Amino acid sequence: MYVVRRHLQKLFDFGMKEMIGSKATSGMSGGNRPWTMMNLAKKSTNGNGDSVAGSRYEEAVNELNTLQSNASVLAQVQKKHKDHGKNNLEQVQKFAERAGLTLDKLDELSIIHVSGTKGKGSVCALCESMLRASGYKTGFFSSPHLVEVRERIRINGKPLAKDAFSEYFFTIFDRLQETKASHGGAMPAYFRFLTIMAFHVFLKEKVDVAVIEVGLGGSYDCTNIIRKPVVVGITSLGLDHMAILGDTIEEIAWHKAAISKPGRPAFTVEQQEGAMNVVMDTANKIGVSSIQCIPDISCYDFSGIKLRLGLAGRHQLTNASLALQLCKTWVQNYQENYPQQYKDGPESQRTDAFLPAEAVSDPELESSAAKVGMPVADGFVVPSHFMKGLEECYWPGRNQVVKGENLTYYIDGAHTPRSITVCQEWFISAADEEAWILDRPIKRILIFNSTGNRDEYSLLKPLTDCQFDGAAFCPNITGESVSGNSADSLTDDSGKAPGGAMGNNDGKKKDQTNFNTTNEKQLARCKCNLIAFENLVEEEAQSDLLLTIQDVAKNPSREWHSRQSRHRATSSICKSTPSNDARTLQSVPQNMYQTDSVKVPKAATKVLDSISDALHWAATWADQELTPEEPSLIGSKKQKPHVQVLITGSLHLVGGVIKVLDPELVNRPGS
């Protein structure tokens, strides 16, 4: 039936060509692309007022979603992940060949390939931004998407337009459908398909550079059919996806380092010693031309100009150093292999030499790499266009601040214990600075969700130091958004979506459909997260109370209050006088841990059905006038607080939040 429908589409296209005339149908790009029904979509609408391009895009997304594995299939795959992994690359190659993409053709792409546990997306975004700022045409493949699947494939920093996505999608999808019967009905799974499609797009668009982020692991990842990358990068490693990659940092390091290729250079950030050993050993066994540890960012020469990164957080300095090494290596390779194009290109491309910087390498970093005999790369004088790319880099959902009326959203897709710790440090620093500037009552709220089988205690423990007034735990379901979009499709235990094959009966925003879990499982997970958070907060509070009681016993004449006294009733930057401190123990809000000597605020917690519900609940805190009984407001007028909302734990959660707040945040900074 599908093939019949597609043939009817082709007949319609042919009829339109005859009717419109050969001049009008000469093509869109260089006269090579036929003018199809999809191309006319730019000026056409359907009966519902939606553009035909949008309708075709929705059709493409629907077909793409049929390639998702449901929860039960995914569980079976994880049980036999080793055998599955070894066969994955062979399967991807076969699907690529069926789609018309051979490995020889893939070799024509000039690729930067990046793996890692944390920061690989940020490193890729920094590379893409620097090379685009230098005048090169860039392609960028990343995952997951936040709002729309077309975000995963970008040309010159922008997601594919809906009509272009649809055209490229059906080119690949049709080829695979036409060969399906002769291959036992096999079709590639969701990520496999998008990987093949991305390579096809970059070849057709004739990009100068393709920046490719590994999806999961590295060794058996779909992207690892790449044979000849220009350079490989490995970001910070940690324990994640252990059901697939292994239980130790050494096992995970092997997977990540296995994207290295014979005769090609590789760079890594500083790793734990065990991981660094494996990275170097794996790369050398593969036969890389070199494997180097990146230098500290202080080792680069920015010509006296203060380095400004478009990405927030101190950890991004490490990512920037890796991106600088990858881009330098790529540009030098381009100079060598395409001398005429380099000479004829824009002035921004013509960096005659990356002069060595005079800065001295960090001796601690040198000694760390030296433990395994790995050399440290040299810093260099950073070209101005690289600096421009670093400053203008925009990577949504990572250390992102979005300001609203009486609300500030701090959004970060951290989802491992180490990245959550980094997120916590960023949030406390940024939120404290904002509180100091506002000089008004502050309330802090957490919205959290995690996916997979991650340990909720290790994820939530760093966040207890943020001293939240409230915490909401919700599934990655958007619910009713402010723009009227209905909830994302849910699945039952069979992996089928209620209300039809795709769920979501209104047909809107199916880009976020997820068959890899069920609503029931997500809500159960949320309840576990809430219990873990409450236990951790109580444990922290009891520890604080014990310390404070001991302090009172040692200094009975001193007016002590808990380390938790940085309560959200006041600015988190302490401006209180000694007399105000003394009042802290005189009148206390409800829901507090207390003894005869001290009292500590307890956070309100909720499990909510959707992301929209969680955001609405957080917003209600801005409407609660603080009563005079609260310590900082005794004797003063009532005042509404400013609410600081930290949203973290999952990039899927972050995507849902951005969809509800403003989908355009995917493409521009919030302010």
Foldseek 3Di string as FASTA:
>chain_A
DVLVVVVVQVVQQVVVDVVVDVVVQLADPPSPHGCGPLNVQVPDADPVRHTVLVVLLLVLLVVLVVQADFAVVVVVCLVVQVVVLVCQQVVLQVLLVLLVHHLVLLQPAAEEEEEEDPDRVVLLLLLLLLVLLLPFWEWEADDDDQFFRQCRIDISNHRDDSSVCSVLSCSRVVSCVVCCVVVVNDDHHNVSSVLSSNSVVCSVVVTNYYYYYFDPQAQRTSNLSNADHQEYEYEEYDDDPCSNQNDDSLSSLLSRLNSAAAAHEYEYEQYPLSSLLSNVVNNVVRHYPAYAYEFQLQQAAAPPDDQAAQADFPVVSSSLRRSQVSNQSSLVVCCVPPVVCQVPGDPSSDDPDFAFGPDDTDVVRQVSSVVNDHHYDTYTHDDPSSSVSRNPRDAPQDQAWFDDVLEIEGGHADAALVSLLRSQVSCVVVQLVVLVVVFAFEAEEEEAFADDDDDLLSNCLSVLVVLHQAYEYEFLWLAQFPVGQHIAFFADPVLATPPDRRGRVVSPRNSLHHSNDGLVVRLVRSVVNQVSNQVSNVVVQVVQVVVQVVVCVVPVVDQDETPQLCHSRGRNPDPDDPVLSNCQAVFDDPQWDDDPRYIHHDHHYYYDHHLNVVVVVQVVQQVDWDDLRHSVNPPHDTDGHRYYYYYYNHSSSSSSNCVRPPVCCSPPGHD
